[in-house]
Amino acid sequence: MPFREKTAWISLISMSGICGVYFWSVIHAGPKAGGFHFASLLVTIIALVVVQVVLTVAAAIVTPKEANMPRDEREKLIELKATQTAYSGLAAGVACACIFSAFDPPLVFNTNALLFVLVTAEVLRSSCQIIQYRRSA
């Protein structure tokens, strides 16, 4: 498995796992929780960054030669296609968030909706990368 595919798997699994736990806790708490828990949102984002950095560095340590190799044209094309797909999903999600913000939802809904749109776009990008790596192998 190429190093770039490993980083796509790291991104997909860590993003799905950590943000899934966060959104599950938000849904499970429901409206009875009262107020906006900024600390849990901040901890989620920090944990996501730390986990992805640690796992990517660990993958680079295990295969340093492969991690230092420059990207070839195939990898650049895979990255471009995956990014285009993710940006179209991101644009659609932002458009929906703008439409729903006209209904004047509370701040917690706006923040979680934007985080959900960003997470979905990143998961979509990583999934597209993995699929394209698997097809080209």
N, C-alpha and C. Protein backbone atom coordinates (compact mmCIF):
# COMPACT_ATOMS: atom_id res chain seq x y z
N MET A 1 0.85 -1.17 0.00
CA MET A 1 0.00 0.00 0.00
C MET A 1 0.91 1.24 0.00
N PRO A 2 0.68 2.15 -0.94
CA PRO A 2 1.50 3.37 -0.99
C PRO A 2 1.29 4.25 0.25
N PHE A 3 2.28 5.08 0.54
CA PHE A 3 2.23 5.95 1.71
C PHE A 3 1.04 6.90 1.64
N ARG A 4 0.75 7.44 0.46
CA ARG A 4 -0.36 8.37 0.30
C ARG A 4 -1.71 7.69 0.59
N GLU A 5 -1.82 6.42 0.22
CA GLU A 5 -3.04 5.68 0.53
C GLU A 5 -3.14 5.45 2.04
N LYS A 6 -2.01 5.18 2.68
CA LYS A 6 -2.02 5.02 4.14
C LYS A 6 -2.50 6.29 4.83
N THR A 7 -2.03 7.46 4.35
CA THR A 7 -2.46 8.72 4.97
C THR A 7 -3.95 8.97 4.71
N ALA A 8 -4.45 8.53 3.56
CA ALA A 8 -5.89 8.66 3.29
C ALA A 8 -6.69 7.78 4.25
N TRP A 9 -6.21 6.55 4.51
CA TRP A 9 -6.88 5.67 5.47
C TRP A 9 -6.83 6.27 6.88
N ILE A 10 -5.68 6.84 7.24
CA ILE A 10 -5.55 7.47 8.56
C ILE A 10 -6.56 8.60 8.70
N SER A 11 -6.66 9.43 7.68
CA SER A 11 -7.60 10.54 7.71
C SER A 11 -9.05 10.04 7.80
N LEU A 12 -9.37 9.05 7.00
CA LEU A 12 -10.74 8.53 6.96
C LEU A 12 -11.14 7.92 8.31
N ILE A 13 -10.31 7.06 8.84
CA ILE A 13 -10.65 6.36 10.08
C ILE A 13 -10.66 7.29 11.28
N SER A 14 -9.64 8.15 11.39
CA SER A 14 -9.60 9.04 12.56
C SER A 14 -10.71 10.07 12.51
N MET A 15 -10.99 10.62 11.33
CA MET A 15 -12.05 11.61 11.20
C MET A 15 -13.41 10.98 11.50
N SER A 16 -13.65 9.80 10.95
CA SER A 16 -14.93 9.12 11.19
C SER A 16 -15.09 8.74 12.66
N GLY A 17 -14.04 8.23 13.25
CA GLY A 17 -14.13 7.78 14.64
C GLY A 17 -14.30 8.91 15.64
N ILE A 18 -13.41 9.88 15.60
CA ILE A 18 -13.44 10.95 16.60
C ILE A 18 -14.67 11.84 16.42
N CYS A 19 -14.95 12.24 15.19
CA CYS A 19 -16.11 13.11 14.97
C CYS A 19 -17.41 12.33 15.14
N GLY A 20 -17.39 11.04 14.85
CA GLY A 20 -18.57 10.21 15.09
C GLY A 20 -18.92 10.16 16.57
N VAL A 21 -17.90 10.01 17.40
CA VAL A 21 -18.13 10.00 18.85
C VAL A 21 -18.67 11.36 19.31
N TYR A 22 -18.11 12.44 18.77
CA TYR A 22 -18.58 13.77 19.16
C TYR A 22 -20.04 13.98 18.76
N PHE A 23 -20.36 13.67 17.49
CA PHE A 23 -21.74 13.88 17.05
C PHE A 23 -22.71 12.95 17.77
N TRP A 24 -22.26 11.75 18.10
CA TRP A 24 -23.12 10.84 18.87
C TRP A 24 -23.41 11.45 20.24
N SER A 25 -22.41 12.05 20.88
CA SER A 25 -22.63 12.65 22.19
C SER A 25 -23.55 13.87 22.09
N VAL A 26 -23.43 14.62 21.00
CA VAL A 26 -24.31 15.78 20.82
C VAL A 26 -25.75 15.32 20.62
N ILE A 27 -25.94 14.32 19.78
CA ILE A 27 -27.29 13.81 19.52
C ILE A 27 -27.86 13.15 20.77
N HIS A 28 -27.01 12.40 21.47
CA HIS A 28 -27.47 11.69 22.66
C HIS A 28 -27.86 12.66 23.79
N ALA A 29 -27.10 13.77 23.91
CA ALA A 29 -27.40 14.75 24.96
C ALA A 29 -28.73 15.44 24.66
N GLY A 30 -28.98 15.73 23.38
CA GLY A 30 -30.24 16.33 22.98
C GLY A 30 -30.43 17.73 23.53
N PRO A 31 -31.62 18.24 23.39
CA PRO A 31 -31.89 19.61 23.85
C PRO A 31 -31.89 19.76 25.37
N LYS A 32 -31.99 18.65 26.09
CA LYS A 32 -32.03 18.74 27.55
C LYS A 32 -30.68 19.09 28.15
N ALA A 33 -29.58 18.99 27.34
CA ALA A 33 -28.25 19.29 27.86
C ALA A 33 -28.12 20.77 28.21
N GLY A 34 -28.78 21.62 27.45
CA GLY A 34 -28.78 23.05 27.76
C GLY A 34 -27.44 23.70 27.51
N GLY A 35 -27.44 24.70 26.68
CA GLY A 35 -26.22 25.45 26.42
C GLY A 35 -25.31 24.79 25.40
N PHE A 36 -24.30 25.50 25.08
CA PHE A 36 -23.34 25.06 24.07
C PHE A 36 -22.06 24.65 24.78
N HIS A 37 -21.62 23.45 24.57
CA HIS A 37 -20.42 22.93 25.22
C HIS A 37 -19.22 23.16 24.32
N PHE A 38 -18.65 24.35 24.41
CA PHE A 38 -17.51 24.71 23.58
C PHE A 38 -16.31 23.84 23.89
N ALA A 39 -16.16 23.44 25.12
CA ALA A 39 -15.00 22.64 25.53
C ALA A 39 -14.98 21.29 24.81
N SER A 40 -16.13 20.64 24.68
CA SER A 40 -16.13 19.34 24.01
C SER A 40 -15.84 19.49 22.51
N LEU A 41 -16.30 20.58 21.91
CA LEU A 41 -15.99 20.84 20.50
C LEU A 41 -14.50 21.09 20.32
N LEU A 42 -13.92 21.88 21.21
CA LEU A 42 -12.50 22.18 21.14
C LEU A 42 -11.66 20.92 21.37
N VAL A 43 -12.03 20.11 22.33
CA VAL A 43 -11.32 18.86 22.60
C VAL A 43 -11.40 17.92 21.40
N THR A 44 -12.54 17.87 20.74
CA THR A 44 -12.71 17.03 19.56
C THR A 44 -11.77 17.46 18.45
N ILE A 45 -11.69 18.75 18.19
CA ILE A 45 -10.84 19.25 17.11
C ILE A 45 -9.36 19.04 17.45
N ILE A 46 -8.98 19.30 18.68
CA ILE A 46 -7.59 19.08 19.09
C ILE A 46 -7.23 17.60 19.02
N ALA A 47 -8.12 16.74 19.49
CA ALA A 47 -7.87 15.29 19.44
C ALA A 47 -7.73 14.83 18.00
N LEU A 48 -8.55 15.36 17.12
CA LEU A 48 -8.49 14.98 15.72
C LEU A 48 -7.15 15.36 15.10
N VAL A 49 -6.69 16.55 15.37
CA VAL A 49 -5.40 17.00 14.83
C VAL A 49 -4.26 16.17 15.40
N VAL A 50 -4.27 15.96 16.71
CA VAL A 50 -3.19 15.21 17.35
C VAL A 50 -3.14 13.76 16.84
N VAL A 51 -4.30 13.11 16.77
CA VAL A 51 -4.33 11.72 16.31
C VAL A 51 -3.85 11.60 14.87
N GLN A 52 -4.29 12.49 14.00
CA GLN A 52 -3.86 12.42 12.60
C GLN A 52 -2.37 12.68 12.45
N VAL A 53 -1.84 13.66 13.19
CA VAL A 53 -0.41 13.95 13.11
C VAL A 53 0.41 12.78 13.64
N VAL A 54 0.02 12.24 14.79
CA VAL A 54 0.78 11.13 15.38
C VAL A 54 0.76 9.90 14.47
N LEU A 55 -0.41 9.57 13.93
CA LEU A 55 -0.48 8.39 13.06
C LEU A 55 0.26 8.59 11.74
N THR A 56 0.21 9.80 11.19
CA THR A 56 0.94 10.07 9.95
C THR A 56 2.45 10.02 10.19
N VAL A 57 2.90 10.58 11.29
CA VAL A 57 4.33 10.53 11.63
C VAL A 57 4.76 9.09 11.88
N ALA A 58 3.93 8.30 12.54
CA ALA A 58 4.25 6.89 12.79
C ALA A 58 4.35 6.13 11.47
N ALA A 59 3.44 6.41 10.53
CA ALA A 59 3.51 5.75 9.22
C ALA A 59 4.76 6.18 8.47
N ALA A 60 5.16 7.43 8.62
CA ALA A 60 6.38 7.91 7.96
C ALA A 60 7.63 7.32 8.60
N ILE A 61 7.59 7.09 9.89
CA ILE A 61 8.73 6.47 10.57
C ILE A 61 8.89 5.02 10.14
N VAL A 62 7.78 4.33 9.99
CA VAL A 62 7.83 2.92 9.59
C VAL A 62 8.38 2.77 8.17
N THR A 63 7.97 3.66 7.27
CA THR A 63 8.43 3.60 5.87
C THR A 63 8.99 4.96 5.45
N PRO A 64 10.19 5.32 5.94
CA PRO A 64 10.73 6.66 5.65
C PRO A 64 11.07 6.88 4.18
N LYS A 65 11.52 5.84 3.52
CA LYS A 65 11.89 5.98 2.11
C LYS A 65 10.67 6.31 1.26
N GLU A 66 9.58 5.63 1.54
CA GLU A 66 8.34 5.83 0.80
C GLU A 66 7.72 7.20 1.13
N ALA A 67 7.86 7.65 2.35
CA ALA A 67 7.28 8.93 2.77
C ALA A 67 8.01 10.11 2.14
N ASN A 68 9.30 9.95 1.87
CA ASN A 68 10.09 11.04 1.29
C ASN A 68 10.06 11.08 -0.23
N MET A 69 9.47 10.08 -0.85
CA MET A 69 9.42 10.05 -2.31
C MET A 69 8.51 11.17 -2.83
N PRO A 70 8.92 11.83 -3.91
CA PRO A 70 8.04 12.85 -4.48
C PRO A 70 6.81 12.21 -5.12
N ARG A 71 5.75 12.97 -5.19
CA ARG A 71 4.52 12.45 -5.78
C ARG A 71 4.69 12.37 -7.30
N ASP A 72 4.21 11.27 -7.87
CA ASP A 72 4.25 11.14 -9.31
C ASP A 72 2.96 11.70 -9.91
N GLU A 73 2.85 11.65 -11.23
CA GLU A 73 1.68 12.22 -11.90
C GLU A 73 0.39 11.49 -11.52
N ARG A 74 0.46 10.18 -11.33
CA ARG A 74 -0.73 9.42 -10.96
C ARG A 74 -1.25 9.88 -9.60
N GLU A 75 -0.36 10.07 -8.64
CA GLU A 75 -0.77 10.51 -7.31
C GLU A 75 -1.32 11.94 -7.35
N LYS A 76 -0.74 12.79 -8.17
CA LYS A 76 -1.24 14.16 -8.31
C LYS A 76 -2.64 14.16 -8.93
N LEU A 77 -2.85 13.30 -9.91
CA LEU A 77 -4.16 13.21 -10.55
C LEU A 77 -5.21 12.66 -9.58
N ILE A 78 -4.83 11.66 -8.79
CA ILE A 78 -5.74 11.11 -7.78
C ILE A 78 -6.12 12.18 -6.77
N GLU A 79 -5.14 12.94 -6.31
CA GLU A 79 -5.40 14.02 -5.35
C GLU A 79 -6.33 15.07 -5.95
N LEU A 80 -6.10 15.44 -7.21
CA LEU A 80 -6.92 16.44 -7.87
C LEU A 80 -8.37 15.98 -8.02
N LYS A 81 -8.57 14.74 -8.47
CA LYS A 81 -9.93 14.22 -8.63
C LYS A 81 -10.65 14.12 -7.29
N ALA A 82 -9.95 13.66 -6.27
CA ALA A 82 -10.57 13.53 -4.94
C ALA A 82 -10.93 14.90 -4.38
N THR A 83 -10.06 15.89 -4.58
CA THR A 83 -10.32 17.23 -4.08
C THR A 83 -11.50 17.87 -4.82
N GLN A 84 -11.59 17.66 -6.12
CA GLN A 84 -12.72 18.20 -6.88
C GLN A 84 -14.04 17.61 -6.39
N THR A 85 -14.05 16.32 -6.14
CA THR A 85 -15.27 15.67 -5.64
C THR A 85 -15.63 16.20 -4.25
N ALA A 86 -14.64 16.34 -3.39
CA ALA A 86 -14.90 16.82 -2.03
C ALA A 86 -15.36 18.28 -2.04
N TYR A 87 -14.79 19.10 -2.92
CA TYR A 87 -15.21 20.50 -2.98
C TYR A 87 -16.63 20.64 -3.48
N SER A 88 -17.05 19.78 -4.39
CA SER A 88 -18.44 19.85 -4.83
C SER A 88 -19.38 19.47 -3.69
N GLY A 89 -19.00 18.47 -2.90
CA GLY A 89 -19.78 18.11 -1.72
C GLY A 89 -19.77 19.21 -0.68
N LEU A 90 -18.62 19.86 -0.51
CA LEU A 90 -18.50 20.96 0.44
C LEU A 90 -19.36 22.14 0.01
N ALA A 91 -19.35 22.46 -1.27
CA ALA A 91 -20.16 23.57 -1.77
C ALA A 91 -21.65 23.30 -1.57
N ALA A 92 -22.07 22.06 -1.83
CA ALA A 92 -23.47 21.72 -1.62
C ALA A 92 -23.83 21.81 -0.13
N GLY A 93 -22.95 21.34 0.73
CA GLY A 93 -23.20 21.41 2.17
C GLY A 93 -23.25 22.84 2.69
N VAL A 94 -22.36 23.70 2.20
CA VAL A 94 -22.37 25.10 2.62
C VAL A 94 -23.63 25.79 2.13
N ALA A 95 -24.06 25.47 0.91
CA ALA A 95 -25.30 26.05 0.39
C ALA A 95 -26.49 25.64 1.26
N CYS A 96 -26.54 24.37 1.65
CA CYS A 96 -27.63 23.92 2.54
C CYS A 96 -27.54 24.60 3.90
N ALA A 97 -26.32 24.76 4.43
CA ALA A 97 -26.15 25.42 5.72
C ALA A 97 -26.59 26.88 5.64
N CYS A 98 -26.32 27.55 4.52
CA CYS A 98 -26.76 28.94 4.35
C CYS A 98 -28.27 29.03 4.28
N ILE A 99 -28.88 28.10 3.58
CA ILE A 99 -30.35 28.09 3.48
C ILE A 99 -30.97 27.86 4.86
N PHE A 100 -30.44 26.89 5.59
CA PHE A 100 -31.00 26.60 6.91
C PHE A 100 -30.69 27.69 7.93
N SER A 101 -29.62 28.45 7.73
CA SER A 101 -29.32 29.53 8.67
C SER A 101 -30.32 30.67 8.55
N ALA A 102 -31.05 30.73 7.45
CA ALA A 102 -32.08 31.76 7.30
C ALA A 102 -33.24 31.53 8.27
N PHE A 103 -33.37 30.31 8.79
CA PHE A 103 -34.44 30.01 9.74
C PHE A 103 -34.07 30.38 11.17
N ASP A 104 -32.90 31.02 11.36
CA ASP A 104 -32.44 31.51 12.65
C ASP A 104 -32.32 30.41 13.70
N PRO A 105 -31.47 29.39 13.41
CA PRO A 105 -31.26 28.34 14.42
C PRO A 105 -30.31 28.83 15.50
N PRO A 106 -30.23 28.14 16.61
CA PRO A 106 -29.29 28.54 17.67
C PRO A 106 -27.84 28.34 17.22
N LEU A 107 -26.93 28.99 17.92
CA LEU A 107 -25.52 28.95 17.57
C LEU A 107 -24.95 27.54 17.57
N VAL A 108 -25.37 26.70 18.50
CA VAL A 108 -24.86 25.34 18.58
C VAL A 108 -25.20 24.56 17.31
N PHE A 109 -26.36 24.81 16.73
CA PHE A 109 -26.73 24.12 15.50
C PHE A 109 -25.84 24.57 14.35
N ASN A 110 -25.60 25.87 14.24
CA ASN A 110 -24.76 26.39 13.16
C ASN A 110 -23.34 25.84 13.26
N THR A 111 -22.78 25.84 14.44
CA THR A 111 -21.41 25.37 14.63
C THR A 111 -21.30 23.88 14.32
N ASN A 112 -22.21 23.10 14.84
CA ASN A 112 -22.17 21.66 14.59
C ASN A 112 -22.49 21.34 13.14
N ALA A 113 -23.37 22.11 12.51
CA ALA A 113 -23.68 21.88 11.10
C ALA A 113 -22.47 22.16 10.22
N LEU A 114 -21.75 23.24 10.51
CA LEU A 114 -20.55 23.54 9.72
C LEU A 114 -19.46 22.50 9.95
N LEU A 115 -19.30 22.06 11.19
CA LEU A 115 -18.33 21.00 11.46
C LEU A 115 -18.71 19.73 10.73
N PHE A 116 -19.99 19.40 10.74
CA PHE A 116 -20.46 18.21 10.04
C PHE A 116 -20.20 18.29 8.55
N VAL A 117 -20.42 19.46 7.95
CA VAL A 117 -20.17 19.65 6.51
C VAL A 117 -18.68 19.49 6.21
N LEU A 118 -17.83 20.06 7.03
CA LEU A 118 -16.38 19.94 6.81
C LEU A 118 -15.91 18.50 6.98
N VAL A 119 -16.40 17.83 8.00
CA VAL A 119 -16.02 16.43 8.23
C VAL A 119 -16.50 15.56 7.08
N THR A 120 -17.72 15.78 6.61
CA THR A 120 -18.25 15.00 5.50
C THR A 120 -17.42 15.21 4.24
N ALA A 121 -17.02 16.46 3.97
CA ALA A 121 -16.21 16.74 2.79
C ALA A 121 -14.84 16.06 2.89
N GLU A 122 -14.25 16.07 4.06
CA GLU A 122 -12.93 15.43 4.24
C GLU A 122 -13.04 13.91 4.14
N VAL A 123 -14.09 13.33 4.69
CA VAL A 123 -14.30 11.89 4.57
C VAL A 123 -14.54 11.51 3.12
N LEU A 124 -15.28 12.35 2.40
CA LEU A 124 -15.52 12.12 0.98
C LEU A 124 -14.22 12.18 0.19
N ARG A 125 -13.35 13.15 0.52
CA ARG A 125 -12.06 13.27 -0.18
C ARG A 125 -11.18 12.04 0.09
N SER A 126 -11.10 11.63 1.33
CA SER A 126 -10.28 10.47 1.67
C SER A 126 -10.83 9.20 1.03
N SER A 127 -12.14 9.05 1.02
CA SER A 127 -12.75 7.88 0.40
C SER A 127 -12.48 7.84 -1.10
N CYS A 128 -12.58 8.99 -1.75
CA CYS A 128 -12.30 9.05 -3.19
C CYS A 128 -10.84 8.69 -3.47
N GLN A 129 -9.94 9.16 -2.64
CA GLN A 129 -8.53 8.82 -2.81
C GLN A 129 -8.33 7.31 -2.68
N ILE A 130 -8.90 6.72 -1.67
CA ILE A 130 -8.72 5.28 -1.44
C ILE A 130 -9.29 4.48 -2.61
N ILE A 131 -10.46 4.86 -3.07
CA ILE A 131 -11.08 4.16 -4.20
C ILE A 131 -10.20 4.27 -5.45
N GLN A 132 -9.67 5.45 -5.71
CA GLN A 132 -8.85 5.64 -6.90
C GLN A 132 -7.51 4.91 -6.78
N TYR A 133 -6.94 4.86 -5.58
CA TYR A 133 -5.71 4.08 -5.39
C TYR A 133 -5.98 2.59 -5.63
N ARG A 134 -7.13 2.11 -5.15
CA ARG A 134 -7.47 0.69 -5.31
C ARG A 134 -7.73 0.36 -6.78
N ARG A 135 -8.35 1.28 -7.52
CA ARG A 135 -8.63 1.03 -8.93
C ARG A 135 -7.36 1.02 -9.76
N SER A 136 -6.41 1.87 -9.41
CA SER A 136 -5.19 1.98 -10.22
C SER A 136 -4.15 0.93 -9.87
N ALA A 137 -4.37 0.20 -8.79
CA ALA A 137 -3.37 -0.81 -8.37
C ALA A 137 -3.48 -2.08 -9.16
